Each structure stands twice: as structure tokens, then as C-alpha cells.
Amino acid sequence: MTLNVASGLARALADVIVSIELTDDEVIDPEIASAILDDTTAIFDAMSNSDRAEITRLILEYAEEQSRPDRKRVMLGVPDGLGLLDEDE
């Protein structure tokens, strides 16, 4: 499968976030994990609504491809957790 840049980056980001979320607190300090996610959220805050919607679409599309239920569950929550969803959604 060949991915375009946006799709590849959205998938990579989703994988990193899911891995952080599913890792025990003894392995990744929750404060460090939170700082990483806060920095990521700040980047998305600077994007247009249409760009955030596109990233959301790509992440949710990738989530549906997940075979592990725990990864799929966490990945489906990534857009909301990163503040990608409009207040109205």
C-alpha cells in the first residue's frame, strides 16, 4: 500500500498516541505523556477546521482497519482527545 504524506503522518501519529495511551504508567511517566499530547494539541489548534476534519477522517479510517480491539478503541478516541473535533460535533 502506498500512502500520501497526510495519510502516512496521520497514521504514524495515531500509532504513537495509541502506544502512549496503552503503555503502563511505570514505563512512560504520565506527566511526560501529557506534555507530548499537549504539544501535539497546540499544533492542531493552529490548523483550519477543514485541515482538522481531514486529519480526523484519516485517523478514524485507520482506526477501522485495526484488528486489535484495544488499539481500535483508543484510536477512535484520538480525534476527540486531541481537540480535533468541532465543538458542535
PDB file of N, CA and C in Angstrom:
ATOM      1  N   MET A   1       0.844  -1.172   0.000  1.00  0.00           N
ATOM      2  CA  MET A   1       0.000   0.000   0.000  1.00  0.00           C
ATOM      3  C   MET A   1       0.893   1.240   0.000  1.00  0.00           C
ATOM      4  N   THR A   2       0.579   2.179  -0.873  1.00  0.00           N
ATOM      5  CA  THR A   2       1.278   3.450  -0.928  1.00  0.00           C
ATOM      6  C   THR A   2       0.399   4.510  -0.270  1.00  0.00           C
ATOM      7  N   LEU A   3       0.991   5.263   0.649  1.00  0.00           N
ATOM      8  CA  LEU A   3       0.257   6.311   1.356  1.00  0.00           C
ATOM      9  C   LEU A   3       0.748   7.677   0.916  1.00  0.00           C
ATOM     10  N   ASN A   4      -0.163   8.648   0.899  1.00  0.00           N
ATOM     11  CA  ASN A   4       0.289  10.017   0.668  1.00  0.00           C
ATOM     12  C   ASN A   4       0.825  10.571   1.991  1.00  0.00           C
ATOM     13  N   VAL A   5       1.413  11.727   1.941  1.00  0.00           N
ATOM     14  CA  VAL A   5       2.060  12.302   3.123  1.00  0.00           C
ATOM     15  C   VAL A   5       1.073  12.481   4.272  1.00  0.00           C
ATOM     16  N   ALA A   6      -0.077  13.070   3.993  1.00  0.00           N
ATOM     17  CA  ALA A   6      -1.048  13.337   5.063  1.00  0.00           C
ATOM     18  C   ALA A   6      -1.508  12.041   5.719  1.00  0.00           C
ATOM     19  N   SER A   7      -1.831  11.052   4.910  1.00  0.00           N
ATOM     20  CA  SER A   7      -2.311   9.777   5.448  1.00  0.00           C
ATOM     21  C   SER A   7      -1.220   9.081   6.254  1.00  0.00           C
ATOM     22  N   GLY A   8      -0.026   9.092   5.729  1.00  0.00           N
ATOM     23  CA  GLY A   8       1.096   8.466   6.441  1.00  0.00           C
ATOM     24  C   GLY A   8       1.386   9.131   7.771  1.00  0.00           C
ATOM     25  N   LEU A   9       1.367  10.463   7.791  1.00  0.00           N
ATOM     26  CA  LEU A   9       1.613  11.177   9.047  1.00  0.00           C
ATOM     27  C   LEU A   9       0.484  10.986  10.044  1.00  0.00           C
ATOM     28  N   ALA A  10      -0.755  10.977   9.563  1.00  0.00           N
ATOM     29  CA  ALA A  10      -1.895  10.751  10.462  1.00  0.00           C
ATOM     30  C   ALA A  10      -1.810   9.364  11.083  1.00  0.00           C
ATOM     31  N   ARG A  11      -1.459   8.375  10.284  1.00  0.00           N
ATOM     32  CA  ARG A  11      -1.329   7.011  10.799  1.00  0.00           C
ATOM     33  C   ARG A  11      -0.180   6.903  11.798  1.00  0.00           C
ATOM     34  N   ALA A  12       0.946   7.521  11.472  1.00  0.00           N
ATOM     35  CA  ALA A  12       2.087   7.473  12.388  1.00  0.00           C
ATOM     36  C   ALA A  12       1.745   8.139  13.718  1.00  0.00           C
ATOM     37  N   LEU A  13       1.105   9.294  13.646  1.00  0.00           N
ATOM     38  CA  LEU A  13       0.705  10.000  14.861  1.00  0.00           C
ATOM     39  C   LEU A  13      -0.264   9.155  15.677  1.00  0.00           C
ATOM     40  N   ALA A  14      -1.266   8.582  15.021  1.00  0.00           N
ATOM     41  CA  ALA A  14      -2.239   7.752  15.721  1.00  0.00           C
ATOM     42  C   ALA A  14      -1.562   6.566  16.398  1.00  0.00           C
ATOM     43  N   ASP A  15      -0.614   5.939  15.712  1.00  0.00           N
ATOM     44  CA  ASP A  15       0.112   4.813  16.304  1.00  0.00           C
ATOM     45  C   ASP A  15       0.889   5.228  17.547  1.00  0.00           C
ATOM     46  N   VAL A  16       1.559   6.373  17.472  1.00  0.00           N
ATOM     47  CA  VAL A  16       2.329   6.854  18.629  1.00  0.00           C
ATOM     48  C   VAL A  16       1.402   7.148  19.800  1.00  0.00           C
ATOM     49  N   ILE A  17       0.303   7.831  19.539  1.00  0.00           N
ATOM     50  CA  ILE A  17      -0.625   8.187  20.616  1.00  0.00           C
ATOM     51  C   ILE A  17      -1.245   6.944  21.231  1.00  0.00           C
ATOM     52  N   VAL A  18      -1.645   5.997  20.405  1.00  0.00           N
ATOM     53  CA  VAL A  18      -2.224   4.761  20.930  1.00  0.00           C
ATOM     54  C   VAL A  18      -1.195   4.009  21.763  1.00  0.00           C
ATOM     55  N   SER A  19       0.031   3.957  21.294  1.00  0.00           N
ATOM     56  CA  SER A  19       1.084   3.277  22.059  1.00  0.00           C
ATOM     57  C   SER A  19       1.309   3.951  23.404  1.00  0.00           C
ATOM     58  N   ILE A  20       1.321   5.276  23.428  1.00  0.00           N
ATOM     59  CA  ILE A  20       1.472   6.007  24.690  1.00  0.00           C
ATOM     60  C   ILE A  20       0.309   5.685  25.618  1.00  0.00           C
ATOM     61  N   GLU A  21      -0.902   5.737  25.094  1.00  0.00           N
ATOM     62  CA  GLU A  21      -2.097   5.506  25.910  1.00  0.00           C
ATOM     63  C   GLU A  21      -2.149   4.087  26.473  1.00  0.00           C
ATOM     64  N   LEU A  22      -1.651   3.110  25.727  1.00  0.00           N
ATOM     65  CA  LEU A  22      -1.742   1.723  26.152  1.00  0.00           C
ATOM     66  C   LEU A  22      -0.530   1.257  26.962  1.00  0.00           C
ATOM     67  N   THR A  23       0.449   2.123  27.141  1.00  0.00           N
ATOM     68  CA  THR A  23       1.643   1.766  27.896  1.00  0.00           C
ATOM     69  C   THR A  23       1.425   2.042  29.377  1.00  0.00           C
ATOM     70  N   ASP A  24       1.905   1.139  30.203  1.00  0.00           N
ATOM     71  CA  ASP A  24       1.774   1.294  31.654  1.00  0.00           C
ATOM     72  C   ASP A  24       2.450   2.570  32.139  1.00  0.00           C
ATOM     73  N   ASP A  25       1.880   3.159  33.187  1.00  0.00           N
ATOM     74  CA  ASP A  25       2.420   4.394  33.767  1.00  0.00           C
ATOM     75  C   ASP A  25       3.848   4.210  34.272  1.00  0.00           C
ATOM     76  N   GLU A  26       4.229   2.981  34.605  1.00  0.00           N
ATOM     77  CA  GLU A  26       5.596   2.733  35.070  1.00  0.00           C
ATOM     78  C   GLU A  26       6.605   2.820  33.930  1.00  0.00           C
ATOM     79  N   VAL A  27       6.140   2.662  32.720  1.00  0.00           N
ATOM     80  CA  VAL A  27       7.025   2.696  31.549  1.00  0.00           C
ATOM     81  C   VAL A  27       7.148   4.118  31.001  1.00  0.00           C
ATOM     82  N   ILE A  28       6.023   4.794  30.863  1.00  0.00           N
ATOM     83  CA  ILE A  28       6.013   6.185  30.405  1.00  0.00           C
ATOM     84  C   ILE A  28       5.354   7.019  31.490  1.00  0.00           C
ATOM     85  N   ASP A  29       6.108   7.963  32.013  1.00  0.00           N
ATOM     86  CA  ASP A  29       5.591   8.852  33.051  1.00  0.00           C
ATOM     87  C   ASP A  29       4.369   9.592  32.510  1.00  0.00           C
ATOM     88  N   PRO A  30       3.251   9.540  33.242  1.00  0.00           N
ATOM     89  CA  PRO A  30       2.034  10.207  32.760  1.00  0.00           C
ATOM     90  C   PRO A  30       2.215  11.701  32.505  1.00  0.00           C
ATOM     91  N   GLU A  31       3.062  12.373  33.267  1.00  0.00           N
ATOM     92  CA  GLU A  31       3.293  13.799  33.033  1.00  0.00           C
ATOM     93  C   GLU A  31       4.002  14.036  31.714  1.00  0.00           C
ATOM     94  N   ILE A  32       4.939  13.177  31.374  1.00  0.00           N
ATOM     95  CA  ILE A  32       5.639  13.296  30.094  1.00  0.00           C
ATOM     96  C   ILE A  32       4.680  12.997  28.945  1.00  0.00           C
ATOM     97  N   ALA A  33       3.879  11.954  29.103  1.00  0.00           N
ATOM     98  CA  ALA A  33       2.896  11.619  28.071  1.00  0.00           C
ATOM     99  C   ALA A  33       1.932  12.778  27.861  1.00  0.00           C
ATOM    100  N   SER A  34       1.490  13.375  28.943  1.00  0.00           N
ATOM    101  CA  SER A  34       0.576  14.504  28.854  1.00  0.00           C
ATOM    102  C   SER A  34       1.222  15.691  28.145  1.00  0.00           C
ATOM    103  N   ALA A  35       2.480  15.952  28.443  1.00  0.00           N
ATOM    104  CA  ALA A  35       3.198  17.057  27.805  1.00  0.00           C
ATOM    105  C   ALA A  35       3.325  16.824  26.294  1.00  0.00           C
ATOM    106  N   ILE A  36       3.596  15.596  25.913  1.00  0.00           N
ATOM    107  CA  ILE A  36       3.701  15.264  24.487  1.00  0.00           C
ATOM    108  C   ILE A  36       2.366  15.521  23.798  1.00  0.00           C
ATOM    109  N   LEU A  37       1.299  15.056  24.407  1.00  0.00           N
ATOM    110  CA  LEU A  37      -0.025  15.217  23.801  1.00  0.00           C
ATOM    111  C   LEU A  37      -0.466  16.678  23.798  1.00  0.00           C
ATOM    112  N   ASP A  38      -0.093  17.430  24.843  1.00  0.00           N
ATOM    113  CA  ASP A  38      -0.433  18.862  24.875  1.00  0.00           C
ATOM    114  C   ASP A  38       0.260  19.617  23.745  1.00  0.00           C
ATOM    115  N   ASP A  39       1.528  19.285  23.497  1.00  0.00           N
ATOM    116  CA  ASP A  39       2.258  19.926  22.399  1.00  0.00           C
ATOM    117  C   ASP A  39       1.603  19.607  21.053  1.00  0.00           C
ATOM    118  N   THR A  40       1.170  18.374  20.896  1.00  0.00           N
ATOM    119  CA  THR A  40       0.509  17.967  19.658  1.00  0.00           C
ATOM    120  C   THR A  40      -0.814  18.705  19.489  1.00  0.00           C
ATOM    121  N   THR A  41      -1.560  18.821  20.561  1.00  0.00           N
ATOM    122  CA  THR A  41      -2.841  19.524  20.526  1.00  0.00           C
ATOM    123  C   THR A  41      -2.642  20.981  20.121  1.00  0.00           C
ATOM    124  N   ALA A  42      -1.594  21.604  20.612  1.00  0.00           N
ATOM    125  CA  ALA A  42      -1.322  23.004  20.269  1.00  0.00           C
ATOM    126  C   ALA A  42      -1.089  23.172  18.765  1.00  0.00           C
ATOM    127  N   ILE A  43      -0.454  22.200  18.158  1.00  0.00           N
ATOM    128  CA  ILE A  43      -0.223  22.260  16.709  1.00  0.00           C
ATOM    129  C   ILE A  43      -1.555  22.204  15.972  1.00  0.00           C
ATOM    130  N   PHE A  44      -2.435  21.309  16.388  1.00  0.00           N
ATOM    131  CA  PHE A  44      -3.731  21.184  15.725  1.00  0.00           C
ATOM    132  C   PHE A  44      -4.605  22.407  15.947  1.00  0.00           C
ATOM    133  N   ASP A  45      -4.451  23.059  17.089  1.00  0.00           N
ATOM    134  CA  ASP A  45      -5.226  24.274  17.353  1.00  0.00           C
ATOM    135  C   ASP A  45      -4.938  25.361  16.325  1.00  0.00           C
ATOM    136  N   ALA A  46      -3.737  25.331  15.744  1.00  0.00           N
ATOM    137  CA  ALA A  46      -3.346  26.340  14.762  1.00  0.00           C
ATOM    138  C   ALA A  46      -3.834  26.007  13.350  1.00  0.00           C
ATOM    139  N   MET A  47      -4.431  24.848  13.174  1.00  0.00           N
ATOM    140  CA  MET A  47      -4.898  24.426  11.849  1.00  0.00           C
ATOM    141  C   MET A  47      -6.324  24.902  11.586  1.00  0.00           C
ATOM    142  N   SER A  48      -6.657  24.956  10.325  1.00  0.00           N
ATOM    143  CA  SER A  48      -8.027  25.315   9.936  1.00  0.00           C
ATOM    144  C   SER A  48      -8.973  24.168  10.285  1.00  0.00           C
ATOM    145  N   ASN A  49     -10.258  24.484  10.364  1.00  0.00           N
ATOM    146  CA  ASN A  49     -11.260  23.460  10.634  1.00  0.00           C
ATOM    147  C   ASN A  49     -11.226  22.364   9.578  1.00  0.00           C
ATOM    148  N   SER A  50     -11.034  22.737   8.327  1.00  0.00           N
ATOM    149  CA  SER A  50     -11.022  21.725   7.263  1.00  0.00           C
ATOM    150  C   SER A  50      -9.806  20.807   7.382  1.00  0.00           C
ATOM    151  N   ASP A  51      -8.662  21.347   7.787  1.00  0.00           N
ATOM    152  CA  ASP A  51      -7.478  20.501   7.981  1.00  0.00           C
ATOM    153  C   ASP A  51      -7.669  19.554   9.162  1.00  0.00           C
ATOM    154  N   ARG A  52      -8.253  20.058  10.260  1.00  0.00           N
ATOM    155  CA  ARG A  52      -8.527  19.190  11.415  1.00  0.00           C
ATOM    156  C   ARG A  52      -9.542  18.109  11.038  1.00  0.00           C
ATOM    157  N   ALA A  53     -10.516  18.463  10.230  1.00  0.00           N
ATOM    158  CA  ALA A  53     -11.510  17.475   9.786  1.00  0.00           C
ATOM    159  C   ALA A  53     -10.850  16.397   8.930  1.00  0.00           C
ATOM    160  N   GLU A  54      -9.923  16.785   8.097  1.00  0.00           N
ATOM    161  CA  GLU A  54      -9.220  15.816   7.245  1.00  0.00           C
ATOM    162  C   GLU A  54      -8.365  14.869   8.087  1.00  0.00           C
ATOM    163  N   ILE A  55      -7.655  15.394   9.053  1.00  0.00           N
ATOM    164  CA  ILE A  55      -6.840  14.534   9.927  1.00  0.00           C
ATOM    165  C   ILE A  55      -7.746  13.597  10.713  1.00  0.00           C
ATOM    166  N   THR A  56      -8.866  14.115  11.191  1.00  0.00           N
ATOM    167  CA  THR A  56      -9.831  13.282  11.906  1.00  0.00           C
ATOM    168  C   THR A  56     -10.302  12.143  11.012  1.00  0.00           C
ATOM    169  N   ARG A  57     -10.663  12.466   9.782  1.00  0.00           N
ATOM    170  CA  ARG A  57     -11.132  11.444   8.843  1.00  0.00           C
ATOM    171  C   ARG A  57     -10.072  10.369   8.629  1.00  0.00           C
ATOM    172  N   LEU A  58      -8.827  10.784   8.453  1.00  0.00           N
ATOM    173  CA  LEU A  58      -7.740   9.830   8.220  1.00  0.00           C
ATOM    174  C   LEU A  58      -7.501   8.936   9.434  1.00  0.00           C
ATOM    175  N   ILE A  59      -7.530   9.513  10.619  1.00  0.00           N
ATOM    176  CA  ILE A  59      -7.317   8.723  11.841  1.00  0.00           C
ATOM    177  C   ILE A  59      -8.461   7.730  12.040  1.00  0.00           C
ATOM    178  N   LEU A  60      -9.697   8.179  11.856  1.00  0.00           N
ATOM    179  CA  LEU A  60     -10.843   7.285  12.035  1.00  0.00           C
ATOM    180  C   LEU A  60     -10.860   6.168  10.985  1.00  0.00           C
ATOM    181  N   GLU A  61     -10.452   6.495   9.779  1.00  0.00           N
ATOM    182  CA  GLU A  61     -10.343   5.488   8.719  1.00  0.00           C
ATOM    183  C   GLU A  61      -9.322   4.429   9.119  1.00  0.00           C
ATOM    184  N   TYR A  62      -8.183   4.877   9.641  1.00  0.00           N
ATOM    185  CA  TYR A  62      -7.131   3.961  10.086  1.00  0.00           C
ATOM    186  C   TYR A  62      -7.614   3.140  11.282  1.00  0.00           C
ATOM    187  N   ALA A  63      -8.365   3.746  12.174  1.00  0.00           N
ATOM    188  CA  ALA A  63      -8.887   3.033  13.346  1.00  0.00           C
ATOM    189  C   ALA A  63      -9.739   1.846  12.917  1.00  0.00           C
ATOM    190  N   GLU A  64     -10.527   2.034  11.879  1.00  0.00           N
ATOM    191  CA  GLU A  64     -11.396   0.956  11.408  1.00  0.00           C
ATOM    192  C   GLU A  64     -10.606  -0.228  10.862  1.00  0.00           C
ATOM    193  N   GLU A  65      -9.348  -0.009  10.493  1.00  0.00           N
ATOM    194  CA  GLU A  65      -8.501  -1.081   9.971  1.00  0.00           C
ATOM    195  C   GLU A  65      -7.820  -1.885  11.079  1.00  0.00           C
ATOM    196  N   GLN A  66      -7.924  -1.413  12.313  1.00  0.00           N
ATOM    197  CA  GLN A  66      -7.225  -2.070  13.424  1.00  0.00           C
ATOM    198  C   GLN A  66      -7.859  -3.416  13.741  1.00  0.00           C
ATOM    199  N   SER A  67      -7.013  -4.417  13.921  1.00  0.00           N
ATOM    200  CA  SER A  67      -7.517  -5.749  14.254  1.00  0.00           C
ATOM    201  C   SER A  67      -7.584  -5.978  15.764  1.00  0.00           C
ATOM    202  N   ARG A  68      -6.809  -5.228  16.516  1.00  0.00           N
ATOM    203  CA  ARG A  68      -6.836  -5.360  17.983  1.00  0.00           C
ATOM    204  C   ARG A  68      -7.888  -4.417  18.557  1.00  0.00           C
ATOM    205  N   PRO A  69      -8.875  -4.950  19.263  1.00  0.00           N
ATOM    206  CA  PRO A  69      -9.949  -4.109  19.805  1.00  0.00           C
ATOM    207  C   PRO A  69      -9.452  -2.988  20.724  1.00  0.00           C
ATOM    208  N   ASP A  70      -8.409  -3.247  21.524  1.00  0.00           N
ATOM    209  CA  ASP A  70      -7.919  -2.208  22.426  1.00  0.00           C
ATOM    210  C   ASP A  70      -7.316  -1.044  21.646  1.00  0.00           C
ATOM    211  N   ARG A  71      -6.570  -1.339  20.604  1.00  0.00           N
ATOM    212  CA  ARG A  71      -5.988  -0.275  19.775  1.00  0.00           C
ATOM    213  C   ARG A  71      -7.083   0.491  19.040  1.00  0.00           C
ATOM    214  N   LYS A  72      -8.062  -0.234  18.509  1.00  0.00           N
ATOM    215  CA  LYS A  72      -9.157   0.412  17.788  1.00  0.00           C
ATOM    216  C   LYS A  72      -9.926   1.347  18.712  1.00  0.00           C
ATOM    217  N   ARG A  73     -10.233   0.885  19.916  1.00  0.00           N
ATOM    218  CA  ARG A  73     -10.995   1.693  20.881  1.00  0.00           C
ATOM    219  C   ARG A  73     -10.266   2.985  21.200  1.00  0.00           C
ATOM    220  N   VAL A  74      -8.966   2.875  21.493  1.00  0.00           N
ATOM    221  CA  VAL A  74      -8.186   4.073  21.826  1.00  0.00           C
ATOM    222  C   VAL A  74      -8.066   4.983  20.609  1.00  0.00           C
ATOM    223  N   MET A  75      -7.809   4.397  19.445  1.00  0.00           N
ATOM    224  CA  MET A  75      -7.632   5.204  18.236  1.00  0.00           C
ATOM    225  C   MET A  75      -8.898   5.960  17.865  1.00  0.00           C
ATOM    226  N   LEU A  76     -10.047   5.351  18.076  1.00  0.00           N
ATOM    227  CA  LEU A  76     -11.301   6.047  17.783  1.00  0.00           C
ATOM    228  C   LEU A  76     -11.474   7.280  18.670  1.00  0.00           C
ATOM    229  N   GLY A  77     -10.829   7.308  19.829  1.00  0.00           N
ATOM    230  CA  GLY A  77     -10.907   8.454  20.721  1.00  0.00           C
ATOM    231  C   GLY A  77      -9.841   9.506  20.495  1.00  0.00           C
ATOM    232  N   VAL A  78      -8.893   9.225  19.618  1.00  0.00           N
ATOM    233  CA  VAL A  78      -7.780  10.157  19.385  1.00  0.00           C
ATOM    234  C   VAL A  78      -8.258  11.530  18.910  1.00  0.00           C
ATOM    235  N   PRO A  79      -9.119  11.620  17.899  1.00  0.00           N
ATOM    236  CA  PRO A  79      -9.526  12.960  17.448  1.00  0.00           C
ATOM    237  C   PRO A  79     -10.133  13.821  18.563  1.00  0.00           C
ATOM    238  N   ASP A  80     -10.990  13.226  19.367  1.00  0.00           N
ATOM    239  CA  ASP A  80     -11.590  13.980  20.466  1.00  0.00           C
ATOM    240  C   ASP A  80     -10.532  14.350  21.499  1.00  0.00           C
ATOM    241  N   GLY A  81      -9.658  13.422  21.818  1.00  0.00           N
ATOM    242  CA  GLY A  81      -8.618  13.669  22.796  1.00  0.00           C
ATOM    243  C   GLY A  81      -7.648  14.775  22.392  1.00  0.00           C
ATOM    244  N   LEU A  82      -7.452  14.934  21.097  1.00  0.00           N
ATOM    245  CA  LEU A  82      -6.548  15.970  20.592  1.00  0.00           C
ATOM    246  C   LEU A  82      -7.267  17.279  20.286  1.00  0.00           C
ATOM    247  N   GLY A  83      -8.564  17.315  20.533  1.00  0.00           N
ATOM    248  CA  GLY A  83      -9.317  18.537  20.261  1.00  0.00           C
ATOM    249  C   GLY A  83      -9.531  18.801  18.790  1.00  0.00           C
ATOM    250  N   LEU A  84      -9.526  17.733  17.981  1.00  0.00           N
ATOM    251  CA  LEU A  84      -9.705  17.896  16.540  1.00  0.00           C
ATOM    252  C   LEU A  84     -11.157  18.104  16.145  1.00  0.00           C
ATOM    253  N   LEU A  85     -12.061  17.666  16.998  1.00  0.00           N
ATOM    254  CA  LEU A  85     -13.481  17.756  16.662  1.00  0.00           C
ATOM    255  C   LEU A  85     -14.011  19.144  16.978  1.00  0.00           C
ATOM    256  N   ASP A  86     -14.876  19.633  16.105  1.00  0.00           N
ATOM    257  CA  ASP A  86     -15.520  20.923  16.362  1.00  0.00           C
ATOM    258  C   ASP A  86     -16.380  20.792  17.616  1.00  0.00           C
ATOM    259  N   GLU A  87     -16.590  21.891  18.284  1.00  0.00           N
ATOM    260  CA  GLU A  87     -17.423  21.915  19.476  1.00  0.00           C
ATOM    261  C   GLU A  87     -18.813  21.372  19.194  1.00  0.00           C
ATOM    262  N   ASP A  88     -19.302  21.555  17.971  1.00  0.00           N
ATOM    263  CA  ASP A  88     -20.656  21.139  17.598  1.00  0.00           C
ATOM    264  C   ASP A  88     -20.784  19.642  17.349  1.00  0.00           C
ATOM    265  N   GLU A  89     -19.655  18.947  17.182  1.00  0.00           N
ATOM    266  CA  GLU A  89     -19.701  17.516  16.843  1.00  0.00           C
ATOM    267  C   GLU A  89     -19.863  16.663  18.077  1.00  0.00           C
TER     268      GLU A  89
END
